[in-house]
C-alpha atoms as a PDB file:
ATOM      1  CA  MET A   1      32.998  33.242  54.516  1.00  0.00           C
ATOM      2  CA  THR A   2      32.928  30.317  56.953  1.00  0.00           C
ATOM      3  CA  THR A   3      29.125  30.206  56.758  1.00  0.00           C
ATOM      4  CA  PHE A   4      29.308  30.179  52.991  1.00  0.00           C
ATOM      5  CA  TRP A   5      31.631  27.177  52.901  1.00  0.00           C
ATOM      6  CA  ILE A   6      29.426  25.322  55.372  1.00  0.00           C
ATOM      7  CA  LEU A   7      26.336  25.920  53.206  1.00  0.00           C
ATOM      8  CA  ALA A   8      28.195  25.021  50.024  1.00  0.00           C
ATOM      9  CA  ALA A   9      29.476  21.779  51.545  1.00  0.00           C
ATOM     10  CA  PHE A  10      25.983  20.941  52.811  1.00  0.00           C
ATOM     11  CA  PHE A  11      24.337  21.424  49.414  1.00  0.00           C
ATOM     12  CA  ALA A  12      27.121  19.531  47.642  1.00  0.00           C
ATOM     13  CA  PHE A  13      26.767  16.658  50.098  1.00  0.00           C
ATOM     14  CA  VAL A  14      22.983  16.523  49.679  1.00  0.00           C
ATOM     15  CA  MET A  15      23.190  16.583  45.877  1.00  0.00           C
ATOM     16  CA  THR A  16      25.885  13.893  45.795  1.00  0.00           C
ATOM     17  CA  ALA A  17      24.004  11.718  48.278  1.00  0.00           C
ATOM     18  CA  VAL A  18      20.759  11.945  46.304  1.00  0.00           C
ATOM     19  CA  THR A  19      22.526  11.088  43.036  1.00  0.00           C
ATOM     20  CA  ILE A  20      24.451   8.129  44.472  1.00  0.00           C
ATOM     21  CA  ALA A  21      21.447   6.795  46.372  1.00  0.00           C
ATOM     22  CA  GLY A  22      19.218   7.017  43.298  1.00  0.00           C
ATOM     23  CA  TYR A  23      21.808   5.204  41.201  1.00  0.00           C
ATOM     24  CA  PHE A  24      22.222   2.341  43.676  1.00  0.00           C
ATOM     25  CA  VAL A  25      18.483   2.076  44.226  1.00  0.00           C
ATOM     26  CA  SER A  26      17.958   1.712  40.470  1.00  0.00           C
ATOM     27  CA  ILE A  27      20.650  -0.978  40.279  1.00  0.00           C
ATOM     28  CA  ARG A  28      19.241  -2.923  43.222  1.00  0.00           C
ATOM     29  CA  THR A  29      15.752  -2.581  41.831  1.00  0.00           C
ATOM     30  CA  ARG A  30      16.784  -4.301  38.637  1.00  0.00           C
ATOM     31  CA  GLY A  31      18.987  -6.803  40.458  1.00  0.00           C
ATOM     32  CA  ASN A  32      16.278  -7.936  42.887  1.00  0.00           C
ATOM     33  CA  LEU A  33      13.765  -8.686  40.141  1.00  0.00           C
ATOM     34  CA  THR A  34      13.491 -12.139  38.706  1.00  0.00           C
ATOM     35  CA  PRO A  35      12.494 -12.369  35.031  1.00  0.00           C
ATOM     36  CA  GLU A  36       9.013 -13.531  36.036  1.00  0.00           C
ATOM     37  CA  VAL A  37       8.434 -10.503  38.270  1.00  0.00           C
ATOM     38  CA  SER A  38      10.014  -7.945  35.978  1.00  0.00           C
ATOM     39  CA  ALA A  39       7.918  -9.169  33.077  1.00  0.00           C
ATOM     40  CA  GLN A  40       4.668  -8.203  34.787  1.00  0.00           C
ATOM     41  CA  LEU A  41       3.927  -4.614  33.950  1.00  0.00           C
ATOM     42  CA  SER A  42       1.103  -4.127  36.451  1.00  0.00           C
ATOM     43  CA  HIS A  43       3.134  -4.851  39.600  1.00  0.00           C
ATOM     44  CA  GLU A  44       5.452  -2.568  41.500  1.00  0.00           C
ATOM     45  CA  PRO A  45       8.914  -3.956  42.350  1.00  0.00           C
ATOM     46  CA  ALA A  46       9.398  -5.513  45.780  1.00  0.00           C
ATOM     47  CA  LEU A  47      11.876  -3.215  47.524  1.00  0.00           C
ATOM     48  CA  PRO A  48      13.149  -2.843  51.092  1.00  0.00           C
ATOM     49  CA  ARG A  49      11.254  -0.362  53.207  1.00  0.00           C
ATOM     50  CA  ALA A  50      13.968   2.317  53.084  1.00  0.00           C
ATOM     51  CA  HIS A  51      14.279   2.116  49.313  1.00  0.00           C
ATOM     52  CA  ALA A  52      10.513   2.135  48.870  1.00  0.00           C
ATOM     53  CA  ALA A  53      10.225   5.266  51.033  1.00  0.00           C
ATOM     54  CA  PHE A  54      13.021   6.900  49.055  1.00  0.00           C
ATOM     55  CA  LEU A  55      11.303   6.191  45.747  1.00  0.00           C
ATOM     56  CA  GLY A  56       7.996   7.276  47.271  1.00  0.00           C
ATOM     57  CA  VAL A  57       9.389  10.783  47.727  1.00  0.00           C
ATOM     58  CA  PHE A  58      10.340  10.989  44.059  1.00  0.00           C
ATOM     59  CA  ARG A  59       6.992   9.526  43.022  1.00  0.00           C
ATOM     60  CA  SER A  60       5.058  12.090  45.074  1.00  0.00           C
ATOM     61  CA  ILE A  61       7.076  14.886  43.462  1.00  0.00           C
ATOM     62  CA  GLY A  62       6.621  13.499  39.955  1.00  0.00           C
ATOM     63  CA  GLU A  63       2.871  12.978  40.326  1.00  0.00           C
ATOM     64  CA  SER A  64       2.425  16.721  40.636  1.00  0.00           C
ATOM     65  CA  PHE A  65       3.380  17.062  36.948  1.00  0.00           C
ATOM     66  CA  PRO A  66       0.382  16.565  34.623  1.00  0.00           C
ATOM     67  CA  GLU A  67       2.648  15.218  31.890  1.00  0.00           C
ATOM     68  CA  ALA A  68       3.666  12.286  34.107  1.00  0.00           C
ATOM     69  CA  LYS A  69       0.078  10.986  34.132  1.00  0.00           C
ATOM     70  CA  ARG A  70      -0.334  11.040  30.355  1.00  0.00           C
ATOM     71  CA  GLU A  71      -0.473   7.544  28.889  1.00  0.00           C
ATOM     72  CA  GLN A  72       1.312   8.530  25.655  1.00  0.00           C
ATOM     73  CA  ASN A  73       4.250  10.090  27.458  1.00  0.00           C
ATOM     74  CA  PRO A  74       7.431   9.624  25.353  1.00  0.00           C
ATOM     75  CA  TYR A  75       9.450   8.835  28.474  1.00  0.00           C
ATOM     76  CA  ARG A  76       7.302   5.771  29.132  1.00  0.00           C
ATOM     77  CA  ARG A  77       8.611   4.003  26.050  1.00  0.00           C
ATOM     78  CA  ARG A  78      12.209   4.912  26.814  1.00  0.00           C
ATOM     79  CA  LEU A  79      11.860   3.743  30.398  1.00  0.00           C
ATOM     80  CA  SER A  80      10.321   0.518  29.127  1.00  0.00           C
ATOM     81  CA  ALA A  81      13.263   0.036  26.763  1.00  0.00           C
ATOM     82  CA  SER A  82      15.673   0.513  29.675  1.00  0.00           C
ATOM     83  CA  GLY A  83      13.869  -2.097  31.809  1.00  0.00           C
ATOM     84  CA  TYR A  84      11.722   0.127  34.081  1.00  0.00           C
ATOM     85  CA  ARG A  85       8.146  -0.920  33.340  1.00  0.00           C
ATOM     86  CA  TRP A  86       6.303  -0.513  36.620  1.00  0.00           C
ATOM     87  CA  PRO A  87       3.397   1.984  36.580  1.00  0.00           C
ATOM     88  CA  SER A  88       5.168   4.543  38.783  1.00  0.00           C
ATOM     89  CA  ALA A  89       8.340   4.631  36.642  1.00  0.00           C
ATOM     90  CA  VAL A  90       7.368   7.849  34.834  1.00  0.00           C
ATOM     91  CA  PRO A  91       6.420   9.816  37.999  1.00  0.00           C
ATOM     92  CA  VAL A  92       9.631   8.640  39.702  1.00  0.00           C
ATOM     93  CA  PHE A  93      11.645   9.792  36.699  1.00  0.00           C
ATOM     94  CA  TYR A  94       9.972  13.218  36.754  1.00  0.00           C
ATOM     95  CA  GLY A  95      10.608  13.431  40.483  1.00  0.00           C
ATOM     96  CA  ILE A  96      14.306  12.683  39.945  1.00  0.00           C
ATOM     97  CA  LYS A  97      14.503  15.373  37.253  1.00  0.00           C
ATOM     98  CA  ALA A  98      12.842  17.922  39.534  1.00  0.00           C
ATOM     99  CA  ALA A  99      15.045  17.013  42.524  1.00  0.00           C
ATOM    100  CA  THR A 100      18.298  17.192  40.573  1.00  0.00           C
ATOM    101  CA  THR A 101      17.279  20.499  39.001  1.00  0.00           C
ATOM    102  CA  LEU A 102      16.392  22.043  42.351  1.00  0.00           C
ATOM    103  CA  LEU A 103      19.487  20.811  44.147  1.00  0.00           C
ATOM    104  CA  GLY A 104      21.830  21.748  41.296  1.00  0.00           C
ATOM    105  CA  ALA A 105      20.389  25.257  40.959  1.00  0.00           C
ATOM    106  CA  SER A 106      20.479  25.776  44.736  1.00  0.00           C
ATOM    107  CA  ALA A 107      24.092  24.659  45.011  1.00  0.00           C
ATOM    108  CA  ALA A 108      25.092  26.883  42.073  1.00  0.00           C
ATOM    109  CA  GLY A 109      23.281  29.841  43.614  1.00  0.00           C
ATOM    110  CA  VAL A 110      24.994  29.425  46.971  1.00  0.00           C
ATOM    111  CA  ILE A 111      28.434  29.070  45.381  1.00  0.00           C
ATOM    112  CA  ALA A 112      27.847  32.061  43.085  1.00  0.00           C
ATOM    113  CA  LEU A 113      26.654  34.148  46.023  1.00  0.00           C
ATOM    114  CA  GLY A 114      29.760  33.238  47.999  1.00  0.00           C
ATOM    115  CA  PHE A 115      32.231  34.033  45.230  1.00  0.00           C
ATOM    116  CA  GLY A 116      30.380  36.921  43.586  1.00  0.00           C
ATOM    117  CA  GLY A 117      29.176  38.633  46.720  1.00  0.00           C
ATOM    118  CA  SER A 118      26.112  40.145  44.999  1.00  0.00           C
ATOM    119  CA  LEU A 119      22.680  38.886  44.066  1.00  0.00           C
ATOM    120  CA  SER A 120      23.081  40.003  40.446  1.00  0.00           C
ATOM    121  CA  ALA A 121      25.656  37.226  39.859  1.00  0.00           C
ATOM    122  CA  VAL A 122      23.355  34.459  41.094  1.00  0.00           C
ATOM    123  CA  PRO A 123      20.641  33.943  38.393  1.00  0.00           C
ATOM    124  CA  LEU A 124      22.933  33.038  35.488  1.00  0.00           C
ATOM    125  CA  PRO A 125      24.856  30.211  37.279  1.00  0.00           C
ATOM    126  CA  MET A 126      21.606  28.909  38.739  1.00  0.00           C
ATOM    127  CA  LEU A 127      20.012  28.838  35.276  1.00  0.00           C
ATOM    128  CA  CYS A 128      22.979  27.101  33.629  1.00  0.00           C
ATOM    129  CA  VAL A 129      23.501  24.484  36.333  1.00  0.00           C
ATOM    130  CA  GLY A 130      19.753  23.925  36.665  1.00  0.00           C
ATOM    131  CA  ALA A 131      19.439  23.280  32.922  1.00  0.00           C
ATOM    132  CA  PHE A 132      22.385  20.868  33.034  1.00  0.00           C
ATOM    133  CA  ALA A 133      20.908  19.051  36.052  1.00  0.00           C
ATOM    134  CA  PHE A 134      17.527  18.880  34.306  1.00  0.00           C
ATOM    135  CA  MET A 135      19.060  17.170  31.244  1.00  0.00           C
ATOM    136  CA  LEU A 136      21.341  14.851  33.231  1.00  0.00           C
ATOM    137  CA  PRO A 137      18.661  12.169  33.925  1.00  0.00           C
ATOM    138  CA  ASN A 138      17.887  12.062  30.183  1.00  0.00           C
ATOM    139  CA  ARG A 139      21.525  11.338  29.402  1.00  0.00           C
ATOM    140  CA  ILE A 140      21.668   8.610  32.023  1.00  0.00           C
ATOM    141  CA  LEU A 141      18.433   7.089  30.700  1.00  0.00           C
ATOM    142  CA  ASN A 142      19.774   7.053  27.126  1.00  0.00           C
ATOM    143  CA  SER A 143      22.946   5.395  28.342  1.00  0.00           C
ATOM    144  CA  ARG A 144      20.961   2.698  30.146  1.00  0.00           C
ATOM    145  CA  VAL A 145      18.841   2.088  27.034  1.00  0.00           C
ATOM    146  CA  ARG A 146      21.974   1.574  24.932  1.00  0.00           C
ATOM    147  CA  THR A 147      23.542  -0.666  27.569  1.00  0.00           C
ATOM    148  CA  ARG A 148      20.451  -2.839  27.805  1.00  0.00           C
ATOM    149  CA  SER A 149      20.235  -3.047  24.008  1.00  0.00           C
ATOM    150  CA  ARG A 150      23.802  -4.371  23.927  1.00  0.00           C
ATOM    151  CA  ARG A 151      22.956  -6.953  26.582  1.00  0.00           C
ATOM    152  CA  LEU A 152      19.912  -8.087  24.616  1.00  0.00           C
ATOM    153  CA  ARG A 153      21.951  -8.291  21.428  1.00  0.00           C
ATOM    154  CA  SER A 154      24.676 -10.381  23.061  1.00  0.00           C
ATOM    155  CA  GLY A 155      22.167 -12.987  24.267  1.00  0.00           C
ATOM    156  CA  LEU A 156      20.300 -13.469  20.996  1.00  0.00           C
ATOM    157  CA  PRO A 157      22.608 -16.144  19.449  1.00  0.00           C
ATOM    158  CA  ALA A 158      22.374 -18.345  22.553  1.00  0.00           C
ATOM    159  CA  ALA A 159      18.596 -17.876  22.673  1.00  0.00           C
ATOM    160  CA  LEU A 160      18.229 -18.833  19.013  1.00  0.00           C
ATOM    161  CA  ASP A 161      20.345 -21.962  19.538  1.00  0.00           C
ATOM    162  CA  LEU A 162      18.139 -23.022  22.450  1.00  0.00           C
ATOM    163  CA  LEU A 163      14.949 -22.337  20.491  1.00  0.00           C
ATOM    164  CA  VAL A 164      16.187 -24.385  17.521  1.00  0.00           C
ATOM    165  CA  VAL A 165      17.146 -27.320  19.763  1.00  0.00           C
ATOM    166  CA  ASP A 166      13.789 -27.299  21.570  1.00  0.00           C
ATOM    167  CA  LEU A 167      11.776 -26.996  18.355  1.00  0.00           C
ATOM    168  CA  GLU A 168      13.679 -29.796  16.648  1.00  0.00           C
ATOM    169  CA  ALA A 169      13.147 -31.944  19.742  1.00  0.00           C
ATOM    170  CA  GLY A 170       9.386 -31.729  19.166  1.00  0.00           C
ATOM    171  CA  GLN A 171       8.351 -29.072  21.665  1.00  0.00           C
ATOM    172  CA  SER A 172       5.871 -26.351  20.866  1.00  0.00           C
ATOM    173  CA  LEU A 173       6.891 -22.725  20.430  1.00  0.00           C
ATOM    174  CA  ASP A 174       5.371 -21.690  23.777  1.00  0.00           C
ATOM    175  CA  SER A 175       7.268 -24.397  25.671  1.00  0.00           C
ATOM    176  CA  SER A 176      10.465 -23.564  23.792  1.00  0.00           C
ATOM    177  CA  ILE A 177      10.197 -19.900  24.755  1.00  0.00           C
ATOM    178  CA  ALA A 178       9.601 -20.835  28.402  1.00  0.00           C
ATOM    179  CA  ASP A 179      12.578 -23.219  28.462  1.00  0.00           C
ATOM    180  CA  CYS A 180      14.780 -20.636  26.788  1.00  0.00           C
ATOM    181  CA  SER A 181      13.744 -18.016  29.328  1.00  0.00           C
ATOM    182  CA  ARG A 182      14.632 -20.303  32.237  1.00  0.00           C
ATOM    183  CA  ALA A 183      17.964 -21.303  30.670  1.00  0.00           C
ATOM    184  CA  LEU A 184      19.039 -17.684  30.163  1.00  0.00           C
ATOM    185  CA  LYS A 185      17.958 -16.511  33.597  1.00  0.00           C
ATOM    186  CA  HIS A 186      21.491 -16.187  35.012  1.00  0.00           C
ATOM    187  CA  THR A 187      23.595 -15.545  31.916  1.00  0.00           C
ATOM    188  CA  HIS A 188      21.311 -13.065  30.110  1.00  0.00           C
ATOM    189  CA  PRO A 189      18.645 -11.860  32.580  1.00  0.00           C
ATOM    190  CA  ASP A 190      17.329  -9.041  30.364  1.00  0.00           C
ATOM    191  CA  LEU A 191      16.604 -11.308  27.417  1.00  0.00           C
ATOM    192  CA  SER A 192      15.209 -13.907  29.812  1.00  0.00           C
ATOM    193  CA  ALA A 193      12.773 -11.301  31.158  1.00  0.00           C
ATOM    194  CA  GLU A 194      11.641 -10.396  27.647  1.00  0.00           C
ATOM    195  CA  LEU A 195      11.055 -14.039  26.735  1.00  0.00           C
ATOM    196  CA  ALA A 196       9.244 -14.617  30.031  1.00  0.00           C
ATOM    197  CA  GLN A 197       6.876 -11.746  29.316  1.00  0.00           C
ATOM    198  CA  LEU A 198       6.343 -13.077  25.788  1.00  0.00           C
ATOM    199  CA  HIS A 199       5.520 -16.487  27.248  1.00  0.00           C
ATOM    200  CA  PHE A 200       3.013 -14.946  29.673  1.00  0.00           C
ATOM    201  CA  GLU A 201       1.286 -13.096  26.847  1.00  0.00           C
ATOM    202  CA  LEU A 202       1.067 -16.251  24.735  1.00  0.00           C
ATOM    203  CA  LYS A 203      -0.139 -18.234  27.740  1.00  0.00           C
ATOM    204  CA  ALA A 204      -2.833 -15.639  28.422  1.00  0.00           C
ATOM    205  CA  GLY A 205      -4.335 -16.336  25.004  1.00  0.00           C
ATOM    206  CA  ASN A 206      -3.172 -13.244  23.159  1.00  0.00           C
ATOM    207  CA  ASN A 207      -2.767 -13.314  19.423  1.00  0.00           C
ATOM    208  CA  ARG A 208       0.677 -14.603  18.432  1.00  0.00           C
ATOM    209  CA  ALA A 209       1.289 -11.783  15.979  1.00  0.00           C
ATOM    210  CA  ASP A 210       0.332  -9.165  18.590  1.00  0.00           C
ATOM    211  CA  ALA A 211       2.567 -10.792  21.211  1.00  0.00           C
ATOM    212  CA  PHE A 212       5.547 -10.879  18.843  1.00  0.00           C
ATOM    213  CA  ARG A 213       4.839  -7.323  17.728  1.00  0.00           C
ATOM    214  CA  GLY A 214       4.726  -6.221  21.360  1.00  0.00           C
ATOM    215  CA  LEU A 215       8.150  -7.787  21.880  1.00  0.00           C
ATOM    216  CA  SER A 216       9.583  -5.595  19.136  1.00  0.00           C
ATOM    217  CA  GLU A 217       7.790  -2.439  20.283  1.00  0.00           C
ATOM    218  CA  ARG A 218       8.961  -2.735  23.902  1.00  0.00           C
ATOM    219  CA  ASN A 219      12.617  -2.618  22.923  1.00  0.00           C
ATOM    220  CA  GLN A 220      14.797  -0.445  20.740  1.00  0.00           C
ATOM    221  CA  GLU A 221      17.179  -3.224  19.722  1.00  0.00           C
ATOM    222  CA  GLN A 222      16.969  -3.757  15.973  1.00  0.00           C
ATOM    223  CA  GLU A 223      18.078  -7.392  16.074  1.00  0.00           C
ATOM    224  CA  LEU A 224      15.306  -8.252  18.504  1.00  0.00           C
ATOM    225  CA  ARG A 225      12.813  -6.576  16.191  1.00  0.00           C
ATOM    226  CA  LYS A 226      14.126  -8.629  13.292  1.00  0.00           C
ATOM    227  CA  LEU A 227      13.650 -11.791  15.341  1.00  0.00           C
ATOM    228  CA  ALA A 228      10.079 -10.740  16.098  1.00  0.00           C
ATOM    229  CA  ASN A 229       9.481 -10.190  12.374  1.00  0.00           C
ATOM    230  CA  VAL A 230      10.826 -13.675  11.622  1.00  0.00           C
ATOM    231  CA  LEU A 231       8.435 -15.165  14.184  1.00  0.00           C
ATOM    232  CA  ILE A 232       5.509 -13.161  12.792  1.00  0.00           C
ATOM    233  CA  ASP A 233       6.227 -14.188   9.185  1.00  0.00           C
ATOM    234  CA  SER A 234       6.674 -17.845  10.140  1.00  0.00           C
ATOM    235  CA  ASP A 235       3.373 -17.845  12.027  1.00  0.00           C
ATOM    236  CA  ARG A 236       1.572 -15.997   9.214  1.00  0.00           C
ATOM    237  CA  PHE A 237       2.727 -18.149   6.301  1.00  0.00           C
ATOM    238  CA  GLY A 238       2.935 -21.456   8.148  1.00  0.00           C
ATOM    239  CA  VAL A 239       6.659 -21.914   7.508  1.00  0.00           C
ATOM    240  CA  THR A 240       8.606 -24.399   9.618  1.00  0.00           C
ATOM    241  CA  LEU A 241      10.151 -22.294  12.363  1.00  0.00           C
ATOM    242  CA  ALA A 242      13.348 -24.220  13.165  1.00  0.00           C
ATOM    243  CA  PRO A 243      15.051 -23.728   9.737  1.00  0.00           C
ATOM    244  CA  SER A 244      14.060 -20.053   9.743  1.00  0.00           C
ATOM    245  CA  LEU A 245      15.571 -19.515  13.179  1.00  0.00           C
ATOM    246  CA  ARG A 246      18.717 -21.421  12.199  1.00  0.00           C
ATOM    247  CA  SER A 247      19.238 -19.291   9.087  1.00  0.00           C
ATOM    248  CA  HIS A 248      18.549 -16.133  11.088  1.00  0.00           C
ATOM    249  CA  ASN A 249      21.056 -17.273  13.728  1.00  0.00           C
ATOM    250  CA  THR A 250      23.671 -17.819  11.020  1.00  0.00           C
ATOM    251  CA  TYR A 251      23.019 -14.341   9.641  1.00  0.00           C
ATOM    252  CA  LEU A 252      23.194 -12.887  13.163  1.00  0.00           C
ATOM    253  CA  ARG A 253      26.510 -14.526  14.023  1.00  0.00           C
ATOM    254  CA  THR A 254      27.976 -13.463  10.672  1.00  0.00           C
ATOM    255  CA  ARG A 255      26.919  -9.876  11.257  1.00  0.00           C
ATOM    256  CA  PHE A 256      28.335  -9.865  14.801  1.00  0.00           C
ATOM    257  CA  ARG A 257      31.617 -11.253  13.466  1.00  0.00           C
ATOM    258  CA  GLN A 258      31.764  -8.552  10.805  1.00  0.00           C
ATOM    259  CA  GLN A 259      31.026  -5.856  13.385  1.00  0.00           C
ATOM    260  CA  ALA A 260      33.827  -7.197  15.598  1.00  0.00           C
ATOM    261  CA  GLN A 261      36.231  -7.170  12.649  1.00  0.00           C
ATOM    262  CA  GLU A 262      35.196  -3.623  11.777  1.00  0.00           C
ATOM    263  CA  ALA A 263      35.779  -2.499  15.367  1.00  0.00           C
ATOM    264  CA  ALA A 264      39.189  -4.211  15.360  1.00  0.00           C
ATOM    265  CA  ARG A 265      40.212  -2.385  12.183  1.00  0.00           C
ATOM    266  CA  LYS A 266      39.238   0.952  13.728  1.00  0.00           C
ATOM    267  CA  VAL A 267      41.546   0.435  16.689  1.00  0.00           C
ATOM    268  CA  GLY A 268      44.630   1.442  14.698  1.00  0.00           C
ATOM    269  CA  VAL A 269      43.070   4.742  13.652  1.00  0.00           C
ATOM    270  CA  LYS A 270      41.818   5.481  17.171  1.00  0.00           C
ATOM    271  CA  LEU A 271      45.274   4.830  18.624  1.00  0.00           C
ATOM    272  CA  VAL A 272      46.872   7.568  16.506  1.00  0.00           C
ATOM    273  CA  PHE A 273      45.807  10.372  18.825  1.00  0.00           C
ATOM    274  CA  PRO A 274      46.869   8.843  22.180  1.00  0.00           C
ATOM    275  CA  VAL A 275      50.129   7.621  20.636  1.00  0.00           C
ATOM    276  CA  PHE A 276      50.925  11.020  19.130  1.00  0.00           C
ATOM    277  CA  PHE A 277      49.870  13.190  22.074  1.00  0.00           C
ATOM    278  CA  LEU A 278      50.707  10.940  25.053  1.00  0.00           C
ATOM    279  CA  ILE A 279      53.229   8.228  24.190  1.00  0.00           C
ATOM    280  CA  PHE A 280      55.316   9.979  21.526  1.00  0.00           C
ATOM    281  CA  PRO A 281      56.197  13.033  23.735  1.00  0.00           C
ATOM    282  CA  SER A 282      57.269  10.688  26.536  1.00  0.00           C
ATOM    283  CA  VAL A 283      59.497   8.714  24.151  1.00  0.00           C
ATOM    284  CA  LEU A 284      61.067  11.926  22.868  1.00  0.00           C
ATOM    285  CA  LEU A 285      61.647  13.134  26.400  1.00  0.00           C
ATOM    286  CA  VAL A 286      63.375   9.907  27.408  1.00  0.00           C
ATOM    287  CA  THR A 287      65.474   9.530  24.257  1.00  0.00           C
ATOM    288  CA  LEU A 288      66.365  13.148  23.454  1.00  0.00           C
ATOM    289  CA  GLY A 289      66.303  14.593  26.964  1.00  0.00           C
ATOM    290  CA  PRO A 290      69.791  13.461  28.064  1.00  0.00           C
ATOM    291  CA  ALA A 291      71.268  14.457  24.684  1.00  0.00           C
ATOM    292  CA  CYS A 292      69.751  17.939  24.939  1.00  0.00           C
ATOM    293  CA  ILE A 293      71.064  18.358  28.482  1.00  0.00           C
ATOM    294  CA  MET A 294      74.588  17.349  27.409  1.00  0.00           C
ATOM    295  CA  MET A 295      74.375  19.701  24.413  1.00  0.00           C
ATOM    296  CA  PHE A 296      73.423  22.664  26.590  1.00  0.00           C
ATOM    297  CA  GLN A 297      76.213  21.847  29.038  1.00  0.00           C
ATOM    298  CA  GLN A 298      78.789  21.722  26.228  1.00  0.00           C
ATOM    299  CA  LEU A 299      77.529  24.980  24.763  1.00  0.00           C
ATOM    300  CA  ALA A 300      77.662  26.619  28.187  1.00  0.00           C
ATOM    301  CA  ASN A 301      81.289  25.498  28.640  1.00  0.00           C
ATOM    302  CA  MET A 302      82.211  26.826  25.207  1.00  0.00           C
ATOM    303  CA  MET A 303      80.569  30.183  25.952  1.00  0.00           C
ATOM    304  CA  ARG A 304      82.636  30.511  29.095  1.00  0.00           C
END
C-alpha cells in the first residue's frame, strides 16, 4: 500500500506540474511578445531556453500526428483566434493533448489498481479520465478564444476614436492604423497586435479588401468583423471613411451600453438562487434559532 501511494503521488505531481508549467509558459509567451512580433505569422516566439526546450518536447510529440501537419486543420483557426499564430502552434497543441491524455490515464490506472486491487478494474477509469484529459485542452482553448474576443471588443471604441481623429487630421488610413496600433500597445495589446499586422499587410502592398477581409477571418469577434466590413465597403464605394467610422462607433457604444443594461437587469434574477439557498437559511437560523431553542426548553419543562 505504501508503494501505491508513492506512485500515485508521483503521477499526480507530474500531471500537476505539466499542467501548471504549460499554463504559465503560454501566459509568458503572450506577455513577452510585442504587437510587432506577434503580428508576424512566420516567426517563432522568442522564449527563454528552458521554456523553448519545454515547448520543443510538446512539438516533437505533436509532429508525430499526421493531422497536425495538415494546412486546413480546424485547430489552426481556433489557435489563431486565441492569439497563437506561430507555425508550431498546432503541433504543440497536439503534443499537449497527447501528454495530458497519457498522464491522466496513467494516474487513473495507478489509483484504480491501488483501490480495486485487480486489473479488471483498471481499464474503465483509465478510459474515462483519459477522455476527460483529452478534451481538457479544447475547453481551455475555447475559453481563451472567448477571453481574447472580449478583450478585442473592449478596445474597439477607443480604436475607432483614434482612427477618426487621425483621419480628420489629414493622415492616410495606413498611417492612422499604425498610430492607433502604437497608441493601444499598453492598454489593449491584442487589438494593437491585430492593427499592427493589418498595417504590415497594407505596407507590403496587399490589396486593401484582402487585408481587411483577413482581419475579419483571423478573429471570431463579430464586432471586429463588422468593422472590417465597414472598411471594405468604404474602400469599395469611395465613401469618406471618417463619418462612417464615427457612425459605427456611435452604434458600437450604444450596443455596449444596451448589453450592460441587459446584464444589470439579469442580476436580480441570478441572485434568487444564492439568496434562497445560501442567505435565506442563514437568516432563518439566526432569527428563529433562539426562539426554537426556548420553545423546546419550555416544552421539555412542561413534559416533566
